[in-house]
Protein backbone atom coordinates (compact mmCIF):
# COMPACT_ATOMS: atom_id res chain seq x y z
CA MET A 1 88.12 106.15 95.39
CA THR A 2 86.93 109.72 95.38
CA GLU A 3 84.54 109.07 92.52
CA HIS A 4 82.65 106.54 94.70
CA LYS A 5 82.33 108.52 97.91
CA GLN A 6 78.66 107.67 98.32
CA ASP A 7 79.49 103.97 98.04
CA TYR A 8 82.66 104.20 100.11
CA GLY A 9 82.02 102.99 103.66
CA PHE A 10 81.10 105.82 106.03
CA GLY A 11 80.65 108.24 103.17
CA GLU A 12 77.36 109.85 104.22
CA LYS A 13 77.46 113.22 105.97
CA ASP A 14 75.30 112.23 108.93
CA TYR A 15 77.30 109.16 109.92
CA ASP A 16 77.28 108.77 113.72
CA TRP A 17 80.94 108.46 114.71
CA GLU A 18 80.16 108.65 118.43
CA ARG A 19 78.05 105.51 118.09
CA TYR A 20 80.84 103.91 116.03
CA ALA A 21 83.28 104.50 118.87
CA ARG A 22 80.90 102.86 121.35
CA VAL A 23 80.18 99.69 119.39
CA ARG A 24 83.43 98.83 117.62
CA PRO A 25 86.39 97.08 119.27
CA LYS A 26 87.99 98.87 122.18
CA TYR A 27 91.57 98.61 120.97
CA PRO A 28 93.50 97.27 123.97
CA GLN A 29 96.71 98.79 125.25
CA SER A 30 98.37 95.47 124.43
CA LEU A 31 97.81 96.21 120.72
CA TRP A 32 99.56 99.59 120.86
CA ASN A 33 102.38 97.99 122.85
CA GLN A 34 102.74 95.20 120.27
CA ILE A 35 103.04 97.64 117.37
CA LEU A 36 105.53 99.89 119.15
CA GLU A 37 107.63 96.91 120.24
CA TYR A 38 107.67 95.65 116.65
CA HIS A 39 108.85 99.06 115.47
CA HIS A 40 111.61 99.05 118.11
CA LYS A 41 112.75 95.53 117.28
CA HIS A 42 112.25 95.25 113.51
CA GLY A 43 111.92 98.84 112.31
CA ASN A 44 114.15 101.87 112.26
CA ASP A 45 113.12 102.87 115.82
CA SER A 46 112.61 106.44 114.57
CA PHE A 47 109.58 108.46 115.66
CA ASP A 48 109.76 111.55 113.47
CA ALA A 49 106.67 111.14 111.26
CA ALA A 50 103.70 108.80 110.88
CA HIS A 51 100.58 108.60 108.73
CA ASP A 52 97.14 107.21 109.63
CA ILE A 53 95.24 106.14 106.48
CA GLY A 54 91.45 106.00 106.39
CA SER A 55 91.46 107.64 109.79
CA GLY A 56 87.70 108.03 110.09
CA PHE A 57 87.10 109.32 113.62
CA GLY A 58 90.85 109.53 114.41
CA ILE A 59 90.94 106.74 117.00
CA VAL A 60 94.24 105.19 115.86
CA ALA A 61 95.91 108.57 115.35
CA GLU A 62 94.88 109.61 118.85
CA ASN A 63 96.01 106.46 120.66
CA LEU A 64 98.97 105.16 118.67
CA LEU A 65 100.57 107.94 116.64
CA VAL A 66 100.06 111.31 118.35
CA PRO A 67 101.52 110.19 121.72
CA HIS A 68 104.73 108.90 120.14
CA PHE A 69 105.56 110.68 116.85
CA LYS A 70 106.78 114.23 116.38
CA HIS A 71 104.45 114.85 113.43
CA VAL A 72 101.36 112.92 112.37
CA PHE A 73 99.62 112.97 108.99
CA VAL A 74 95.92 112.05 109.03
CA SER A 75 94.00 111.23 105.84
CA ASP A 76 90.56 110.03 104.81
CA PRO A 77 88.85 110.06 101.41
CA VAL A 78 85.71 111.72 102.85
CA SER A 79 85.87 115.36 103.93
CA HIS A 80 83.32 115.16 106.77
CA ASN A 81 85.10 112.14 108.24
CA LEU A 82 88.26 114.20 108.26
CA SER A 83 86.38 116.99 110.05
CA ALA A 84 85.27 114.48 112.70
CA ALA A 85 88.88 113.37 113.19
CA LYS A 86 90.04 116.97 113.39
CA HIS A 87 87.46 117.72 116.08
CA ARG A 88 88.46 114.66 118.09
CA LEU A 89 92.19 115.31 117.84
CA GLN A 90 91.86 118.96 118.83
CA ILE A 91 91.19 117.70 122.35
CA THR A 92 94.72 116.28 122.49
CA GLY A 93 96.18 119.78 122.16
CA SER A 94 98.45 118.61 119.35
CA GLU A 95 97.03 120.61 116.42
CA GLY A 96 100.42 122.03 115.43
CA ARG A 97 101.82 118.51 115.10
CA ILE A 98 99.05 117.12 112.88
CA THR A 99 98.45 117.58 109.14
CA PHE A 100 95.01 116.64 107.78
CA HIS A 101 94.40 115.82 104.13
CA GLU A 102 91.48 114.47 102.12
CA ALA A 103 92.84 111.49 100.17
CA GLY A 104 92.27 107.80 99.62
CA ALA A 105 94.77 105.10 100.49
CA GLU A 106 95.88 104.93 96.85
CA ASP A 107 97.10 108.55 96.83
CA ALA A 108 100.45 109.38 98.41
CA SER A 109 101.29 112.26 96.06
CA TRP A 110 100.60 114.87 98.77
CA LEU A 111 103.08 113.35 101.23
CA PRO A 112 106.86 113.77 101.40
CA LYS A 113 108.25 110.70 99.67
CA GLY A 114 110.01 108.14 101.84
CA GLN A 115 109.69 110.11 105.09
CA MET A 116 107.18 108.15 107.21
CA ASP A 117 108.48 106.03 110.06
CA MET A 118 105.09 104.35 110.43
CA VAL A 119 101.94 104.03 108.35
CA SER A 120 98.78 102.66 109.97
CA ALA A 121 95.71 101.36 108.14
CA PHE A 122 93.02 100.06 110.46
CA GLY A 123 89.76 98.70 109.08
CA CYS A 124 90.09 100.57 105.80
CA LEU A 125 92.18 98.75 103.19
CA HIS A 126 89.22 96.68 101.98
CA TRP A 127 87.67 99.97 100.78
CA SER A 128 90.69 100.53 98.55
CA ASP A 129 92.29 99.06 95.45
CA THR A 130 95.24 97.40 97.16
CA THR A 131 97.12 96.97 93.87
CA LYS A 132 97.49 100.76 94.12
CA SER A 133 97.29 101.46 97.85
CA MET A 134 100.07 99.07 98.89
CA PRO A 135 102.68 100.58 96.51
CA ALA A 136 101.52 104.03 97.68
CA ILE A 137 102.07 103.00 101.30
CA ALA A 138 105.52 101.63 100.49
CA SER A 139 106.46 104.87 98.69
CA GLN A 140 105.89 106.99 101.79
CA LEU A 141 107.79 104.78 104.25
CA ARG A 142 111.43 105.30 105.12
CA PRO A 143 113.77 102.30 105.02
CA GLY A 144 113.00 100.45 108.22
CA GLY A 145 109.60 102.11 108.52
CA THR A 146 106.74 100.03 109.95
CA PHE A 147 103.46 99.26 108.22
CA ALA A 148 100.71 98.35 110.70
CA ALA A 149 97.31 97.17 109.49
CA LEU A 150 94.32 95.70 111.29
CA TYR A 151 90.99 94.25 110.25
CA TYR A 152 88.25 92.70 112.37
CA THR A 153 85.13 90.77 111.51
CA PRO A 154 82.10 93.10 111.61
CA ARG A 155 80.21 90.33 113.39
CA PRO A 156 81.71 89.58 116.82
CA LEU A 157 81.05 86.19 118.34
CA ILE A 158 78.56 85.78 121.16
CA ARG A 159 80.04 83.36 123.68
CA ASN A 160 78.32 80.86 125.97
CA ASN A 161 74.77 81.71 124.87
CA HIS A 162 73.76 79.46 121.98
CA ARG A 163 70.26 80.93 121.66
CA ALA A 164 71.59 84.47 121.38
CA ASP A 165 74.36 83.41 119.00
CA LYS A 166 71.87 81.68 116.72
CA ALA A 167 69.65 84.80 116.59
CA TRP A 168 72.75 86.93 115.94
CA ALA A 169 73.67 84.67 113.01
CA SER A 170 70.20 85.06 111.49
CA ILE A 171 70.47 88.86 111.72
CA PHE A 172 73.73 88.83 109.78
CA ALA A 173 72.34 86.43 107.20
CA LYS A 174 69.71 89.07 106.42
CA TYR A 175 72.27 91.86 106.57
CA ALA A 176 74.39 90.05 104.00
CA GLU A 177 71.48 90.20 101.55
CA ARG A 178 71.66 94.00 101.87
CA ALA A 179 75.44 94.27 101.84
CA TYR A 180 75.98 92.10 98.78
CA GLU A 181 73.31 93.49 96.52
CA PRO A 182 74.36 92.73 92.92
CA ASP A 183 76.44 95.32 91.09
CA SER A 184 76.93 97.62 94.09
CA THR A 185 80.32 99.23 94.68
CA THR A 186 80.01 98.36 98.37
CA ALA A 187 79.62 94.68 97.54
CA ARG A 188 82.74 94.75 95.40
CA PHE A 189 84.74 96.22 98.27
CA LEU A 190 83.36 93.81 100.88
CA ALA A 191 83.92 90.81 98.64
CA GLN A 192 87.65 91.39 99.12
CA CYS A 193 87.29 90.35 102.76
CA TYR A 194 86.33 86.71 102.33
CA ASP A 195 89.38 85.84 104.39
CA GLY A 196 90.04 89.25 105.92
CA MET A 197 93.30 90.85 104.84
CA ASN A 198 94.71 87.51 103.72
CA ASP A 199 92.93 87.75 100.39
CA HIS A 200 93.39 91.42 99.54
CA VAL A 201 96.61 92.66 101.18
CA ARG A 202 99.86 91.39 99.67
CA ILE A 203 103.09 92.29 101.47
CA SER A 204 105.42 92.31 98.48
CA THR A 205 109.09 91.64 99.16
CA GLU A 206 109.78 94.16 96.43
CA TYR A 207 108.95 96.81 99.04
CA PHE A 208 109.05 95.05 102.41
CA LYS A 209 111.55 92.84 104.17
CA PRO A 210 110.75 89.11 104.15
CA GLY A 211 109.01 87.79 107.23
CA ALA A 212 106.03 90.14 107.55
CA LEU A 213 103.90 89.16 110.53
CA ARG A 214 100.32 88.03 109.89
CA GLN A 215 98.52 87.39 113.14
CA THR A 216 94.95 86.11 113.54
CA VAL A 217 93.34 86.47 116.96
CA ASN A 218 90.44 84.38 118.32
CA GLN A 219 89.49 82.63 115.06
CA THR A 220 89.60 79.20 116.73
CA LEU A 221 86.64 80.26 118.90
CA LEU A 222 84.43 79.83 115.81
CA GLU A 223 84.11 76.16 116.70
CA GLU A 224 81.65 77.11 119.44
CA SER A 225 79.62 79.56 117.31
CA SER A 226 76.80 79.55 114.74
CA TYR A 227 79.00 80.76 111.89
CA SER A 228 77.96 79.06 108.67
CA ASP A 229 81.56 78.78 107.49
CA ALA A 230 84.19 78.63 110.21
CA LYS A 231 86.94 78.78 107.59
CA SER A 232 85.86 82.28 106.52
CA PRO A 233 85.09 84.27 109.67
CA PHE A 234 85.51 87.64 108.02
CA LYS A 235 82.62 87.33 105.61
CA ILE A 236 79.42 88.75 107.08
CA GLY A 237 77.00 86.21 105.67
CA PRO A 238 76.30 84.08 102.61
CA MET A 239 78.50 85.30 99.78
CA HIS A 240 76.78 86.30 96.57
CA LEU A 241 79.83 87.48 94.67
CA LYS A 242 82.62 85.19 95.73
CA GLU A 243 82.64 81.57 96.83
CA SER A 244 86.40 81.08 96.92
CA SER A 245 89.45 83.26 97.23
CA SER A 246 93.12 83.25 96.34
CA THR A 247 95.42 83.96 99.23
CA MET A 248 97.75 86.94 99.41
CA VAL A 249 99.85 85.29 102.12
CA GLY A 250 103.42 85.15 100.89
CA PRO A 251 105.70 82.11 101.30
CA GLU A 252 107.99 84.09 103.62
CA ASP A 253 105.24 85.71 105.69
CA LYS A 254 105.23 84.71 109.34
CA VAL A 255 101.75 83.43 110.20
CA GLU A 256 100.64 83.27 113.85
CA THR A 257 97.38 82.25 115.52
CA ILE A 258 96.37 83.61 118.92
CA ILE A 259 93.82 81.20 120.36
CA ASP A 260 91.87 83.14 123.03
CA ASP A 261 92.88 86.73 123.73
CA ARG A 262 90.46 88.14 126.32
CA ASN A 263 91.68 91.67 125.57
CA TRP A 264 89.27 91.54 122.59
CA SER A 265 86.26 90.57 124.68
CA GLU A 266 83.59 92.58 126.49
CA ARG A 267 80.16 92.35 128.10
CA VAL A 268 77.33 94.03 126.18
CA ASP A 269 73.52 94.23 126.17
CA ALA A 270 70.99 93.79 123.37
CA GLN A 271 70.84 97.52 122.63
CA TRP A 272 74.60 97.57 122.07
CA LEU A 273 74.25 94.79 119.51
CA LYS A 274 71.41 96.65 117.79
CA ASP A 275 73.56 99.80 117.67
CA LEU A 276 76.41 97.77 116.16
CA VAL A 277 74.19 96.63 113.30
CA ALA A 278 72.96 100.21 112.84
CA SER A 279 76.60 101.36 112.54
CA LEU A 280 77.45 99.03 109.65
CA GLN A 281 77.98 100.10 106.06
CA PRO A 282 75.88 99.83 103.98
CA LYS A 283 72.92 100.59 106.23
CA MET A 284 70.14 98.09 106.74
CA PRO A 285 66.70 99.17 108.04
CA LEU A 286 66.36 97.52 111.43
CA ASP A 287 62.67 96.84 110.76
CA ARG A 288 63.87 93.95 108.56
CA VAL A 289 65.10 92.07 111.63
CA VAL A 290 62.53 92.93 114.32
CA GLU A 291 61.69 89.29 115.02
CA GLU A 292 65.36 88.29 115.16
CA PHE A 293 66.25 91.11 117.54
CA GLY A 294 63.28 90.14 119.72
CA GLU A 295 64.69 86.62 119.99
CA LEU A 296 68.17 88.03 120.71
CA ASP A 297 66.79 90.29 123.44
CA GLU A 298 64.98 87.40 125.14
CA ALA A 299 68.09 85.21 125.00
CA ILE A 300 70.23 87.91 126.61
CA LYS A 301 67.60 88.55 129.31
CA GLU A 302 67.93 84.89 130.26
CA GLU A 303 71.63 85.59 130.84
CA GLY A 304 70.90 88.51 133.14
CA GLY A 305 70.75 91.33 130.60
CA GLN A 306 74.28 91.14 129.22
CA THR A 307 76.27 88.68 127.15
CA THR A 308 79.94 88.22 126.27
CA ILE A 309 81.15 89.10 122.80
CA VAL A 310 84.60 88.55 121.34
CA TRP A 311 86.16 90.06 118.22
CA ILE A 312 88.09 88.07 115.63
CA VAL A 313 91.02 90.20 114.50
CA GLN A 314 93.79 90.13 111.89
CA ILE A 315 96.98 92.14 112.33
CA ILE A 316 99.73 92.74 109.78
CA LEU A 317 103.12 94.19 110.72
CA ALA A 318 105.80 94.68 108.07
CA THR A 319 109.10 96.54 107.67
CA ARG A 320 110.04 98.63 104.66
CA ARG A 321 113.22 97.61 102.84
């Protein structure tokens, strides 16, 4: 991916990671507990080394890996993102236990082969070529090592406020026109996410034990929303490049649906929602949606100044053979 750093999500030098941390999902403690319990039960239960791929601001490394593993490897294909992660993780006082390296998900050549007890990839695999990144991930895991991946829809649902939800849908319809501009590298990456990780992440039994867990959280709540296609919650708007997808869900994968997990819900105001749109990649000038944000603001004022949003999430947990 290094040849497309300007097109790679979050590739510009002035990206605001502090804003990103404010307006993206607040990963609940229940998520960290779920992953660790899976590693105890299905994995090798070893905590020597772990690798966070596409680390960005270092949120997953900080909360999941550094507290539990003796040594943590942190990588990102963009050097200034890696600098942001390094700055954040310095606060933990664990510098001597962390190795930073500029690399994409497809490149595991810099890592000791077959030595990772856990590899995490949160919100990043859709920016990679998974025909290369998944074998690379498998190559770095020890037998019994755990692969943990997560993806969430960039458009959270607005609950119990139909007027606000309708305005929110119109904002993302316009954003999709920007995101899926013809022939852009960004569009090619995002087109992988028609059905989240289910259409671009294959858990091959050549590398992983049968029975990988694929869990979707809160998707059933789409029935109460203004999504144009409730069957494809992970697309951000009308698709220009892809109208159907082939699934990567294997016949032995364990598929679970979590109906309404309030751990992925929060109360926000209109400015928070505007900041969320401003944080997306590729960028869209907010002056394109002034009228829509005005309608959204009025709808949220009617609710008392805040509204409830909920994230739709996919989680994959798999064990290396």
